[in-house]
Each structure stands twice: as structure tokens, then as C-alpha cells.
Amino acid sequence: MQEQLAIERTKTAVLVMDYQGGMSNRPDGEVLLGKAAMVLRAAREAGFTVIYVVVRFREGYPEVSSRNKTFSNLMLQRRLREGTPEGDVHPGIAPQPGDIVVVKRRTGAFSTTDLDAILRAKNIDTLVLFGIATGGVVLSTVRWGADLDYRMVVLSDCCADGDEEVHRVLVQKVFPRQATVMESQNFVGLVEGALLH
């Protein structure tokens, strides 16, 4: 049964996380981009704040320690560098005037960023989020955001993980403990319907 959720447009931000240039190489990339575009169109029409969160590194990777298993591998492969298409938001859902882009150097959207300061300055208390990977940026952001007392909404079909079982367990078992989990079409219906204030 889908949980009912009333959303106040001036206090809600949509977070698009790690939807970057390399998405075109994913087998599900076009489907994910289509759903993300639908969500962003509805969010902008409703007047929500739209925030993109990207992970990228300076030339030479001064932010990456050899002790960091995930990011030291990216450093060795010279991936996600500033000024490269892979380090930017995917052009299929490019930021629009008025959108905010937050750059992170670690997994979660709150870690190593000014995201919390931006949200508090805009008096935002509800985060509608999605990203790649479910077991990476989405998990880290849901946990941290809930600890900061944000109301969290995860759009499950706009999230993906290299391991389908990890994705399934997170969206069905873990995230519902701290967030409302719904599909993108349900969210768009909510935005366009009577539950939006």
C-alpha cells in the first residue's frame, strides 16, 4: 500500500545524485534518464528546488587517499575528473538556470559538501532523492539526511546499483525505516495532484 505524503513545494528539494556522463554506458541508462527527466520536469513546474550532486576530483586527485578503497580505484583509472564529460551531469538531464550543483569528493551527498548549509538557508525540510548507486550515494545520503532530521523520500525506480539484490534489499527493507519509498510515476502524480501544498 502506497503511503500518503503531503509535500510543501517551498520546503522541498529534489536531489539528483551521481547522474553523470558515464551513464550512457549503463544498460539501463536510457530508462533511468527518461524517468529522471520526467521527475525533474514535474519538480520544476511545481517550483521545487532542484539540486544536482556530482562526484569529481581535481587533476592529480589530491582529495584521494590510497587508503580509500573506492576512490583510489577511480584515481588509478583516472575517472571522474573535473572538466571531463564523465565528471559532469549527464547532458540528457542537464541543470537549468536556477538549479544548484553541489560537488562532493566522497560517497554521500552531505559528506565533503555544503549541501546542508544550502538546504538550511533555503528552509528546506524535505528531500526527494534518487541516484546511482543505491548502495553508495543513495544509502549514504538517506542515512545522513535522516540523522539531520530531514524528511526523506526515495524514488526507487530512479535508483540503480550494480548488484540488483543490494538495490532490492535497500529499497524494500532498509530505506523504509528512514524514508518514504515510492516510484517516480507516483511522485509525479503526487506533485500534480491535490496533496501538494
N, C-alpha and C. Protein backbone atom coordinates (compact mmCIF):
# COMPACT_ATOMS: atom_id res chain seq x y z
N MET A 1 0.84 -1.19 0.00
CA MET A 1 0.00 0.00 0.00
C MET A 1 0.88 1.25 0.00
N GLN A 2 0.61 2.19 -0.90
CA GLN A 2 1.41 3.40 -1.03
C GLN A 2 1.07 4.38 0.10
N GLU A 3 2.10 4.82 0.79
CA GLU A 3 1.95 5.79 1.86
C GLU A 3 1.54 7.15 1.28
N GLN A 4 0.60 7.82 1.93
CA GLN A 4 0.20 9.16 1.51
C GLN A 4 1.21 10.16 2.05
N LEU A 5 1.56 11.13 1.24
CA LEU A 5 2.58 12.09 1.61
C LEU A 5 2.20 13.46 1.07
N ALA A 6 2.06 14.42 1.96
CA ALA A 6 1.81 15.80 1.55
C ALA A 6 3.16 16.52 1.47
N ILE A 7 3.37 17.23 0.39
CA ILE A 7 4.65 17.90 0.17
C ILE A 7 4.41 19.40 0.01
N GLU A 8 5.21 20.18 0.73
CA GLU A 8 5.14 21.64 0.61
C GLU A 8 6.22 22.09 -0.37
N ARG A 9 5.82 22.70 -1.46
CA ARG A 9 6.77 22.97 -2.56
C ARG A 9 7.93 23.87 -2.15
N THR A 10 7.70 24.85 -1.29
CA THR A 10 8.79 25.76 -0.93
C THR A 10 9.77 25.15 0.06
N LYS A 11 9.40 24.02 0.65
CA LYS A 11 10.29 23.38 1.63
C LYS A 11 10.84 22.04 1.14
N THR A 12 10.74 21.82 -0.18
CA THR A 12 11.16 20.54 -0.74
C THR A 12 12.24 20.75 -1.79
N ALA A 13 13.26 19.89 -1.73
CA ALA A 13 14.30 19.87 -2.77
C ALA A 13 14.34 18.49 -3.39
N VAL A 14 14.58 18.46 -4.69
CA VAL A 14 14.82 17.20 -5.40
C VAL A 14 16.32 17.09 -5.60
N LEU A 15 16.90 15.99 -5.09
CA LEU A 15 18.34 15.74 -5.23
C LEU A 15 18.57 14.70 -6.31
N VAL A 16 19.31 15.07 -7.33
CA VAL A 16 19.71 14.17 -8.42
C VAL A 16 21.18 13.84 -8.17
N MET A 17 21.47 12.60 -7.83
CA MET A 17 22.81 12.28 -7.33
C MET A 17 23.57 11.31 -8.25
N ASP A 18 24.73 11.76 -8.68
CA ASP A 18 25.67 10.96 -9.48
C ASP A 18 25.10 10.49 -10.81
N TYR A 19 24.18 11.25 -11.37
CA TYR A 19 23.69 11.01 -12.74
C TYR A 19 24.67 11.73 -13.67
N GLN A 20 25.78 11.09 -13.93
CA GLN A 20 26.87 11.75 -14.62
C GLN A 20 27.13 11.16 -16.00
N GLY A 21 28.09 11.73 -16.71
CA GLY A 21 28.35 11.41 -18.11
C GLY A 21 28.47 9.94 -18.44
N GLY A 22 29.02 9.14 -17.55
CA GLY A 22 29.21 7.72 -17.82
C GLY A 22 27.93 6.90 -17.85
N MET A 23 26.79 7.52 -17.54
CA MET A 23 25.52 6.77 -17.51
C MET A 23 25.16 6.15 -18.84
N SER A 24 25.62 6.75 -19.92
CA SER A 24 25.27 6.24 -21.24
C SER A 24 25.78 4.82 -21.44
N ASN A 25 26.77 4.43 -20.67
CA ASN A 25 27.34 3.08 -20.79
C ASN A 25 26.53 2.04 -20.02
N ARG A 26 25.61 2.46 -19.19
CA ARG A 26 24.80 1.52 -18.41
C ARG A 26 23.71 0.92 -19.29
N PRO A 27 23.42 -0.39 -19.14
CA PRO A 27 22.34 -0.98 -19.93
C PRO A 27 20.98 -0.34 -19.64
N ASP A 28 20.79 0.14 -18.41
CA ASP A 28 19.52 0.76 -18.02
C ASP A 28 19.59 2.29 -18.07
N GLY A 29 20.66 2.83 -18.65
CA GLY A 29 20.89 4.27 -18.62
C GLY A 29 19.78 5.09 -19.24
N GLU A 30 19.29 4.71 -20.40
CA GLU A 30 18.25 5.49 -21.07
C GLU A 30 16.94 5.47 -20.30
N VAL A 31 16.60 4.32 -19.71
CA VAL A 31 15.38 4.22 -18.91
C VAL A 31 15.48 5.12 -17.69
N LEU A 32 16.62 5.06 -17.00
CA LEU A 32 16.82 5.90 -15.81
C LEU A 32 16.76 7.38 -16.17
N LEU A 33 17.42 7.75 -17.25
CA LEU A 33 17.42 9.16 -17.67
C LEU A 33 16.02 9.63 -18.03
N GLY A 34 15.22 8.79 -18.66
CA GLY A 34 13.84 9.15 -19.01
C GLY A 34 12.99 9.40 -17.77
N LYS A 35 13.13 8.53 -16.78
CA LYS A 35 12.37 8.71 -15.53
C LYS A 35 12.84 9.96 -14.79
N ALA A 36 14.16 10.16 -14.76
CA ALA A 36 14.71 11.34 -14.09
C ALA A 36 14.20 12.62 -14.77
N ALA A 37 14.17 12.63 -16.09
CA ALA A 37 13.69 13.81 -16.82
C ALA A 37 12.23 14.09 -16.49
N MET A 38 11.42 13.04 -16.37
CA MET A 38 10.00 13.20 -16.03
C MET A 38 9.86 13.82 -14.63
N VAL A 39 10.64 13.33 -13.67
CA VAL A 39 10.60 13.85 -12.30
C VAL A 39 11.04 15.31 -12.28
N LEU A 40 12.12 15.61 -12.97
CA LEU A 40 12.64 16.98 -12.96
C LEU A 40 11.68 17.96 -13.62
N ARG A 41 11.04 17.54 -14.68
CA ARG A 41 10.05 18.40 -15.35
C ARG A 41 8.92 18.74 -14.38
N ALA A 42 8.39 17.73 -13.69
CA ALA A 42 7.30 17.96 -12.73
C ALA A 42 7.77 18.81 -11.56
N ALA A 43 8.98 18.55 -11.07
CA ALA A 43 9.51 19.30 -9.93
C ALA A 43 9.69 20.78 -10.27
N ARG A 44 10.24 21.04 -11.44
CA ARG A 44 10.44 22.44 -11.84
C ARG A 44 9.12 23.16 -12.04
N GLU A 45 8.17 22.48 -12.68
CA GLU A 45 6.85 23.09 -12.89
C GLU A 45 6.16 23.41 -11.57
N ALA A 46 6.42 22.60 -10.54
CA ALA A 46 5.82 22.81 -9.22
C ALA A 46 6.60 23.82 -8.39
N GLY A 47 7.78 24.23 -8.84
CA GLY A 47 8.55 25.22 -8.11
C GLY A 47 9.46 24.66 -7.04
N PHE A 48 9.81 23.38 -7.13
CA PHE A 48 10.74 22.78 -6.17
C PHE A 48 12.16 23.26 -6.46
N THR A 49 12.98 23.28 -5.44
CA THR A 49 14.41 23.48 -5.61
C THR A 49 14.99 22.20 -6.20
N VAL A 50 15.81 22.32 -7.23
CA VAL A 50 16.46 21.17 -7.84
C VAL A 50 17.96 21.28 -7.58
N ILE A 51 18.52 20.22 -7.00
CA ILE A 51 19.94 20.20 -6.66
C ILE A 51 20.58 18.95 -7.26
N TYR A 52 21.61 19.17 -8.04
CA TYR A 52 22.41 18.06 -8.58
C TYR A 52 23.61 17.86 -7.67
N VAL A 53 23.92 16.62 -7.39
CA VAL A 53 25.11 16.28 -6.61
C VAL A 53 25.99 15.41 -7.50
N VAL A 54 27.23 15.84 -7.70
CA VAL A 54 28.16 15.09 -8.53
C VAL A 54 29.44 14.81 -7.75
N VAL A 55 30.07 13.71 -8.09
CA VAL A 55 31.38 13.38 -7.51
C VAL A 55 32.42 13.60 -8.60
N ARG A 56 33.43 14.39 -8.27
CA ARG A 56 34.54 14.58 -9.20
C ARG A 56 35.76 15.09 -8.44
N PHE A 57 36.90 14.98 -9.11
CA PHE A 57 38.17 15.25 -8.45
C PHE A 57 39.03 16.19 -9.28
N ARG A 58 39.88 16.91 -8.58
CA ARG A 58 40.84 17.79 -9.25
C ARG A 58 41.90 16.94 -9.97
N GLU A 59 42.56 17.56 -10.92
CA GLU A 59 43.67 16.90 -11.62
C GLU A 59 44.71 16.47 -10.58
N GLY A 60 45.17 15.26 -10.67
CA GLY A 60 46.13 14.73 -9.72
C GLY A 60 45.50 14.07 -8.50
N TYR A 61 44.20 14.19 -8.34
CA TYR A 61 43.43 13.55 -7.26
C TYR A 61 44.00 13.85 -5.86
N PRO A 62 44.21 15.14 -5.52
CA PRO A 62 44.75 15.44 -4.19
C PRO A 62 43.78 15.08 -3.06
N GLU A 63 42.49 14.88 -3.37
CA GLU A 63 41.49 14.56 -2.35
C GLU A 63 41.46 13.08 -2.00
N VAL A 64 42.16 12.24 -2.75
CA VAL A 64 42.01 10.79 -2.62
C VAL A 64 43.21 10.17 -1.91
N SER A 65 42.93 9.48 -0.83
CA SER A 65 43.96 8.73 -0.10
C SER A 65 44.07 7.33 -0.68
N SER A 66 45.25 6.79 -0.67
CA SER A 66 45.44 5.41 -1.14
C SER A 66 44.73 4.43 -0.21
N ARG A 67 44.35 4.87 0.98
CA ARG A 67 43.62 4.00 1.92
C ARG A 67 42.13 3.89 1.58
N ASN A 68 41.64 4.77 0.72
CA ASN A 68 40.23 4.77 0.35
C ASN A 68 40.03 3.79 -0.81
N LYS A 69 39.46 2.63 -0.50
CA LYS A 69 39.33 1.55 -1.49
C LYS A 69 38.56 1.99 -2.73
N THR A 70 37.42 2.61 -2.54
CA THR A 70 36.58 3.01 -3.67
C THR A 70 37.25 4.07 -4.53
N PHE A 71 37.66 5.15 -3.92
CA PHE A 71 38.13 6.29 -4.70
C PHE A 71 39.57 6.13 -5.17
N SER A 72 40.39 5.33 -4.49
CA SER A 72 41.75 5.09 -5.01
C SER A 72 41.68 4.29 -6.31
N ASN A 73 40.69 3.41 -6.45
CA ASN A 73 40.50 2.70 -7.72
C ASN A 73 40.11 3.67 -8.84
N LEU A 74 39.23 4.63 -8.53
CA LEU A 74 38.87 5.64 -9.52
C LEU A 74 40.08 6.48 -9.91
N MET A 75 40.93 6.78 -8.92
CA MET A 75 42.13 7.56 -9.19
C MET A 75 43.06 6.79 -10.14
N LEU A 76 43.25 5.51 -9.88
CA LEU A 76 44.12 4.70 -10.74
C LEU A 76 43.59 4.63 -12.18
N GLN A 77 42.26 4.66 -12.31
CA GLN A 77 41.64 4.62 -13.64
C GLN A 77 41.48 6.02 -14.25
N ARG A 78 41.89 7.05 -13.48
CA ARG A 78 41.77 8.46 -13.90
C ARG A 78 40.34 8.81 -14.30
N ARG A 79 39.40 8.42 -13.46
CA ARG A 79 37.98 8.65 -13.73
C ARG A 79 37.45 9.83 -12.91
N LEU A 80 36.33 10.39 -13.38
CA LEU A 80 35.57 11.43 -12.67
C LEU A 80 36.40 12.67 -12.36
N ARG A 81 37.19 13.10 -13.34
CA ARG A 81 37.99 14.31 -13.18
C ARG A 81 37.18 15.55 -13.54
N GLU A 82 37.48 16.65 -12.86
CA GLU A 82 36.87 17.93 -13.20
C GLU A 82 37.18 18.26 -14.66
N GLY A 83 36.20 18.85 -15.34
CA GLY A 83 36.42 19.27 -16.71
C GLY A 83 36.28 18.17 -17.75
N THR A 84 35.83 16.99 -17.33
CA THR A 84 35.60 15.90 -18.28
C THR A 84 34.11 15.60 -18.35
N PRO A 85 33.62 15.08 -19.48
CA PRO A 85 32.20 14.74 -19.57
C PRO A 85 31.75 13.76 -18.49
N GLU A 86 32.63 12.83 -18.12
CA GLU A 86 32.28 11.85 -17.09
C GLU A 86 32.08 12.51 -15.73
N GLY A 87 32.75 13.62 -15.49
CA GLY A 87 32.63 14.31 -14.22
C GLY A 87 31.46 15.28 -14.14
N ASP A 88 30.79 15.50 -15.26
CA ASP A 88 29.66 16.44 -15.30
C ASP A 88 28.32 15.71 -15.24
N VAL A 89 27.26 16.46 -14.98
CA VAL A 89 25.91 15.92 -15.04
C VAL A 89 25.66 15.44 -16.47
N HIS A 90 24.96 14.32 -16.59
CA HIS A 90 24.66 13.79 -17.92
C HIS A 90 23.89 14.85 -18.71
N PRO A 91 24.28 15.10 -19.97
CA PRO A 91 23.61 16.16 -20.74
C PRO A 91 22.12 15.92 -20.98
N GLY A 92 21.67 14.69 -20.86
CA GLY A 92 20.25 14.39 -21.05
C GLY A 92 19.35 14.98 -19.98
N ILE A 93 19.94 15.32 -18.84
CA ILE A 93 19.18 15.95 -17.75
C ILE A 93 19.97 17.13 -17.18
N ALA A 94 20.59 17.89 -18.05
CA ALA A 94 21.48 18.98 -17.65
C ALA A 94 20.79 19.98 -16.74
N PRO A 95 21.54 20.56 -15.80
CA PRO A 95 20.98 21.59 -14.93
C PRO A 95 20.43 22.76 -15.74
N GLN A 96 19.37 23.35 -15.23
CA GLN A 96 18.72 24.51 -15.84
C GLN A 96 19.03 25.75 -15.00
N PRO A 97 18.83 26.94 -15.55
CA PRO A 97 19.05 28.15 -14.75
C PRO A 97 18.26 28.08 -13.44
N GLY A 98 18.92 28.40 -12.35
CA GLY A 98 18.29 28.35 -11.04
C GLY A 98 18.55 27.06 -10.29
N ASP A 99 18.96 26.00 -10.99
CA ASP A 99 19.32 24.75 -10.31
C ASP A 99 20.67 24.94 -9.62
N ILE A 100 20.92 24.10 -8.65
CA ILE A 100 22.16 24.16 -7.87
C ILE A 100 22.96 22.90 -8.15
N VAL A 101 24.27 23.03 -8.30
CA VAL A 101 25.15 21.87 -8.46
C VAL A 101 26.10 21.84 -7.27
N VAL A 102 26.11 20.72 -6.56
CA VAL A 102 26.98 20.50 -5.41
C VAL A 102 28.01 19.45 -5.80
N VAL A 103 29.28 19.75 -5.56
CA VAL A 103 30.36 18.82 -5.87
C VAL A 103 30.82 18.15 -4.59
N LYS A 104 30.90 16.81 -4.64
CA LYS A 104 31.37 16.05 -3.48
C LYS A 104 32.65 15.32 -3.84
N ARG A 105 33.38 14.94 -2.81
CA ARG A 105 34.64 14.22 -3.00
C ARG A 105 34.58 12.83 -2.38
N ARG A 106 33.42 12.48 -1.83
CA ARG A 106 33.24 11.17 -1.21
C ARG A 106 31.88 10.63 -1.62
N THR A 107 31.42 9.57 -0.96
CA THR A 107 30.24 8.84 -1.40
C THR A 107 28.94 9.61 -1.19
N GLY A 108 28.68 10.07 0.02
CA GLY A 108 27.40 10.68 0.36
C GLY A 108 27.28 12.13 -0.07
N ALA A 109 26.05 12.58 -0.27
CA ALA A 109 25.79 13.96 -0.71
C ALA A 109 26.11 14.99 0.37
N PHE A 110 26.09 14.59 1.64
CA PHE A 110 26.39 15.53 2.71
C PHE A 110 27.87 15.58 3.04
N SER A 111 28.58 14.48 2.80
CA SER A 111 29.99 14.39 3.14
C SER A 111 30.81 15.26 2.18
N THR A 112 31.68 16.07 2.71
CA THR A 112 32.60 16.94 1.96
C THR A 112 31.89 17.99 1.11
N THR A 113 30.65 18.36 1.46
CA THR A 113 29.91 19.37 0.68
C THR A 113 29.28 20.42 1.59
N ASP A 114 28.71 21.43 0.95
CA ASP A 114 27.96 22.46 1.66
C ASP A 114 26.45 22.25 1.50
N LEU A 115 26.04 21.02 1.18
CA LEU A 115 24.62 20.74 0.93
C LEU A 115 23.74 21.11 2.12
N ASP A 116 24.12 20.72 3.32
CA ASP A 116 23.29 21.02 4.49
C ASP A 116 23.12 22.53 4.67
N ALA A 117 24.19 23.30 4.47
CA ALA A 117 24.10 24.76 4.60
C ALA A 117 23.14 25.34 3.56
N ILE A 118 23.18 24.84 2.34
CA ILE A 118 22.27 25.31 1.28
C ILE A 118 20.83 25.01 1.65
N LEU A 119 20.57 23.78 2.09
CA LEU A 119 19.20 23.38 2.44
C LEU A 119 18.66 24.22 3.59
N ARG A 120 19.47 24.44 4.61
CA ARG A 120 19.02 25.22 5.76
C ARG A 120 18.79 26.68 5.38
N ALA A 121 19.65 27.23 4.52
CA ALA A 121 19.48 28.62 4.08
C ALA A 121 18.17 28.79 3.30
N LYS A 122 17.74 27.75 2.62
CA LYS A 122 16.50 27.81 1.84
C LYS A 122 15.30 27.29 2.63
N ASN A 123 15.52 26.96 3.91
CA ASN A 123 14.45 26.47 4.79
C ASN A 123 13.79 25.20 4.26
N ILE A 124 14.60 24.32 3.68
CA ILE A 124 14.10 23.06 3.13
C ILE A 124 14.14 21.99 4.21
N ASP A 125 13.03 21.24 4.33
CA ASP A 125 12.98 20.16 5.32
C ASP A 125 12.67 18.80 4.71
N THR A 126 12.38 18.76 3.41
CA THR A 126 12.03 17.51 2.74
C THR A 126 12.93 17.31 1.53
N LEU A 127 13.53 16.12 1.43
CA LEU A 127 14.41 15.78 0.32
C LEU A 127 13.82 14.62 -0.46
N VAL A 128 13.57 14.85 -1.73
CA VAL A 128 13.14 13.80 -2.65
C VAL A 128 14.39 13.46 -3.45
N LEU A 129 14.85 12.21 -3.34
CA LEU A 129 16.16 11.92 -3.90
C LEU A 129 16.20 10.64 -4.70
N PHE A 130 17.18 10.61 -5.59
CA PHE A 130 17.48 9.40 -6.36
C PHE A 130 18.90 9.51 -6.86
N GLY A 131 19.49 8.34 -7.17
CA GLY A 131 20.86 8.37 -7.66
C GLY A 131 21.41 7.00 -7.95
N ILE A 132 22.66 7.02 -8.36
CA ILE A 132 23.40 5.81 -8.70
C ILE A 132 24.72 5.87 -7.94
N ALA A 133 24.97 5.01 -7.08
CA ALA A 133 24.36 3.71 -6.90
C ALA A 133 23.52 3.69 -5.62
N THR A 134 22.54 2.79 -5.63
CA THR A 134 21.65 2.65 -4.48
C THR A 134 22.46 2.36 -3.22
N GLY A 135 23.45 1.47 -3.33
CA GLY A 135 24.27 1.10 -2.18
C GLY A 135 25.40 2.06 -1.90
N GLY A 136 25.51 3.14 -2.68
CA GLY A 136 26.54 4.15 -2.49
C GLY A 136 25.94 5.47 -2.06
N VAL A 137 25.79 6.39 -3.02
CA VAL A 137 25.32 7.74 -2.70
C VAL A 137 23.93 7.74 -2.08
N VAL A 138 23.04 6.87 -2.54
CA VAL A 138 21.67 6.90 -2.01
C VAL A 138 21.65 6.44 -0.56
N LEU A 139 22.28 5.32 -0.27
CA LEU A 139 22.33 4.82 1.11
C LEU A 139 22.99 5.83 2.03
N SER A 140 24.15 6.35 1.65
CA SER A 140 24.86 7.31 2.50
C SER A 140 24.04 8.56 2.74
N THR A 141 23.35 9.04 1.72
CA THR A 141 22.58 10.28 1.84
C THR A 141 21.31 10.07 2.66
N VAL A 142 20.64 8.95 2.48
CA VAL A 142 19.44 8.67 3.29
C VAL A 142 19.82 8.61 4.77
N ARG A 143 20.88 7.89 5.09
CA ARG A 143 21.29 7.76 6.50
C ARG A 143 21.67 9.11 7.10
N TRP A 144 22.51 9.85 6.41
CA TRP A 144 22.98 11.13 6.93
C TRP A 144 21.84 12.14 6.99
N GLY A 145 21.03 12.20 5.95
CA GLY A 145 19.91 13.14 5.93
C GLY A 145 18.90 12.86 7.03
N ALA A 146 18.62 11.60 7.27
CA ALA A 146 17.69 11.24 8.36
C ALA A 146 18.28 11.65 9.71
N ASP A 147 19.59 11.46 9.88
CA ASP A 147 20.24 11.88 11.13
C ASP A 147 20.19 13.39 11.31
N LEU A 148 20.09 14.14 10.22
CA LEU A 148 19.96 15.60 10.29
C LEU A 148 18.51 16.05 10.38
N ASP A 149 17.59 15.08 10.50
CA ASP A 149 16.16 15.34 10.66
C ASP A 149 15.46 15.87 9.41
N TYR A 150 15.99 15.58 8.23
CA TYR A 150 15.25 15.87 7.01
C TYR A 150 14.23 14.76 6.79
N ARG A 151 13.10 15.14 6.23
CA ARG A 151 12.13 14.14 5.79
C ARG A 151 12.63 13.63 4.44
N MET A 152 12.75 12.32 4.31
CA MET A 152 13.39 11.72 3.14
C MET A 152 12.37 10.97 2.30
N VAL A 153 12.45 11.15 0.98
CA VAL A 153 11.63 10.41 0.02
C VAL A 153 12.59 9.86 -1.03
N VAL A 154 12.59 8.54 -1.22
CA VAL A 154 13.46 7.90 -2.20
C VAL A 154 12.61 7.45 -3.39
N LEU A 155 13.01 7.85 -4.59
CA LEU A 155 12.33 7.40 -5.81
C LEU A 155 13.05 6.15 -6.29
N SER A 156 12.50 5.00 -5.93
CA SER A 156 13.20 3.72 -6.08
C SER A 156 13.54 3.36 -7.52
N ASP A 157 12.66 3.68 -8.46
CA ASP A 157 12.92 3.29 -9.85
C ASP A 157 13.83 4.27 -10.58
N CYS A 158 14.27 5.31 -9.89
CA CYS A 158 15.28 6.21 -10.43
C CYS A 158 16.64 5.94 -9.79
N CYS A 159 16.70 4.89 -8.99
CA CYS A 159 17.95 4.45 -8.37
C CYS A 159 18.38 3.15 -9.04
N ALA A 160 19.67 2.89 -9.03
CA ALA A 160 20.18 1.64 -9.60
C ALA A 160 21.48 1.29 -8.90
N ASP A 161 21.78 0.01 -8.93
CA ASP A 161 23.00 -0.50 -8.32
C ASP A 161 23.54 -1.61 -9.21
N GLY A 162 24.83 -1.79 -9.22
CA GLY A 162 25.42 -2.88 -9.99
C GLY A 162 24.99 -4.24 -9.51
N ASP A 163 24.50 -4.31 -8.27
CA ASP A 163 24.03 -5.56 -7.68
C ASP A 163 22.53 -5.41 -7.42
N GLU A 164 21.72 -6.09 -8.21
CA GLU A 164 20.26 -5.99 -8.09
C GLU A 164 19.75 -6.38 -6.70
N GLU A 165 20.39 -7.35 -6.07
CA GLU A 165 19.96 -7.78 -4.73
C GLU A 165 20.20 -6.68 -3.71
N VAL A 166 21.32 -6.00 -3.81
CA VAL A 166 21.60 -4.86 -2.92
C VAL A 166 20.52 -3.80 -3.10
N HIS A 167 20.20 -3.47 -4.34
CA HIS A 167 19.15 -2.48 -4.63
C HIS A 167 17.82 -2.91 -4.00
N ARG A 168 17.43 -4.15 -4.23
CA ARG A 168 16.15 -4.66 -3.74
C ARG A 168 16.08 -4.58 -2.22
N VAL A 169 17.10 -5.06 -1.54
CA VAL A 169 17.09 -5.06 -0.07
C VAL A 169 17.03 -3.63 0.47
N LEU A 170 17.79 -2.74 -0.13
CA LEU A 170 17.79 -1.36 0.35
C LEU A 170 16.43 -0.69 0.17
N VAL A 171 15.83 -0.78 -1.03
CA VAL A 171 14.57 -0.07 -1.25
C VAL A 171 13.38 -0.75 -0.58
N GLN A 172 13.46 -2.06 -0.35
CA GLN A 172 12.33 -2.76 0.27
C GLN A 172 12.47 -2.90 1.78
N LYS A 173 13.68 -3.02 2.29
CA LYS A 173 13.87 -3.33 3.71
C LYS A 173 14.54 -2.23 4.52
N VAL A 174 15.56 -1.58 3.95
CA VAL A 174 16.37 -0.64 4.73
C VAL A 174 15.81 0.79 4.66
N PHE A 175 15.64 1.32 3.47
CA PHE A 175 15.19 2.71 3.34
C PHE A 175 13.85 3.00 4.00
N PRO A 176 12.87 2.09 3.94
CA PRO A 176 11.58 2.41 4.56
C PRO A 176 11.65 2.68 6.06
N ARG A 177 12.74 2.32 6.70
CA ARG A 177 12.91 2.63 8.12
C ARG A 177 13.16 4.12 8.35
N GLN A 178 13.69 4.80 7.33
CA GLN A 178 14.04 6.21 7.49
C GLN A 178 13.45 7.12 6.42
N ALA A 179 12.79 6.53 5.44
CA ALA A 179 12.31 7.34 4.31
C ALA A 179 11.02 6.76 3.76
N THR A 180 10.29 7.60 3.06
CA THR A 180 9.18 7.13 2.24
C THR A 180 9.79 6.66 0.92
N VAL A 181 9.43 5.48 0.48
CA VAL A 181 9.95 4.94 -0.78
C VAL A 181 8.79 4.86 -1.76
N MET A 182 8.97 5.44 -2.94
CA MET A 182 7.92 5.39 -3.96
C MET A 182 8.55 5.39 -5.34
N GLU A 183 7.75 5.09 -6.34
CA GLU A 183 8.23 5.12 -7.72
C GLU A 183 8.01 6.51 -8.30
N SER A 184 8.76 6.81 -9.34
CA SER A 184 8.74 8.14 -9.94
C SER A 184 7.36 8.55 -10.43
N GLN A 185 6.64 7.63 -11.03
CA GLN A 185 5.30 7.96 -11.55
C GLN A 185 4.35 8.35 -10.41
N ASN A 186 4.47 7.68 -9.28
CA ASN A 186 3.64 8.03 -8.12
C ASN A 186 4.00 9.41 -7.60
N PHE A 187 5.29 9.72 -7.59
CA PHE A 187 5.73 11.04 -7.14
C PHE A 187 5.19 12.13 -8.07
N VAL A 188 5.31 11.91 -9.37
CA VAL A 188 4.81 12.90 -10.34
C VAL A 188 3.31 13.09 -10.16
N GLY A 189 2.57 12.00 -9.94
CA GLY A 189 1.13 12.11 -9.69
C GLY A 189 0.84 12.91 -8.43
N LEU A 190 1.66 12.71 -7.41
CA LEU A 190 1.52 13.46 -6.16
C LEU A 190 1.77 14.94 -6.39
N VAL A 191 2.81 15.24 -7.14
CA VAL A 191 3.17 16.63 -7.43
C VAL A 191 2.04 17.32 -8.19
N GLU A 192 1.46 16.61 -9.13
CA GLU A 192 0.40 17.19 -9.96
C GLU A 192 -0.97 17.14 -9.29
N GLY A 193 -1.07 16.41 -8.18
CA GLY A 193 -2.37 16.20 -7.54
C GLY A 193 -2.64 17.10 -6.36
N ALA A 194 -3.66 16.74 -5.63
CA ALA A 194 -4.18 17.56 -4.54
C ALA A 194 -3.34 17.53 -3.28
N LEU A 195 -2.37 16.63 -3.17
CA LEU A 195 -1.59 16.54 -1.94
C LEU A 195 -0.44 17.52 -1.89
N LEU A 196 -0.26 18.32 -2.93
CA LEU A 196 0.82 19.29 -2.98
C LEU A 196 0.33 20.63 -2.44
N HIS A 197 1.08 21.20 -1.52
CA HIS A 197 0.70 22.47 -0.89
C HIS A 197 1.65 23.58 -1.28
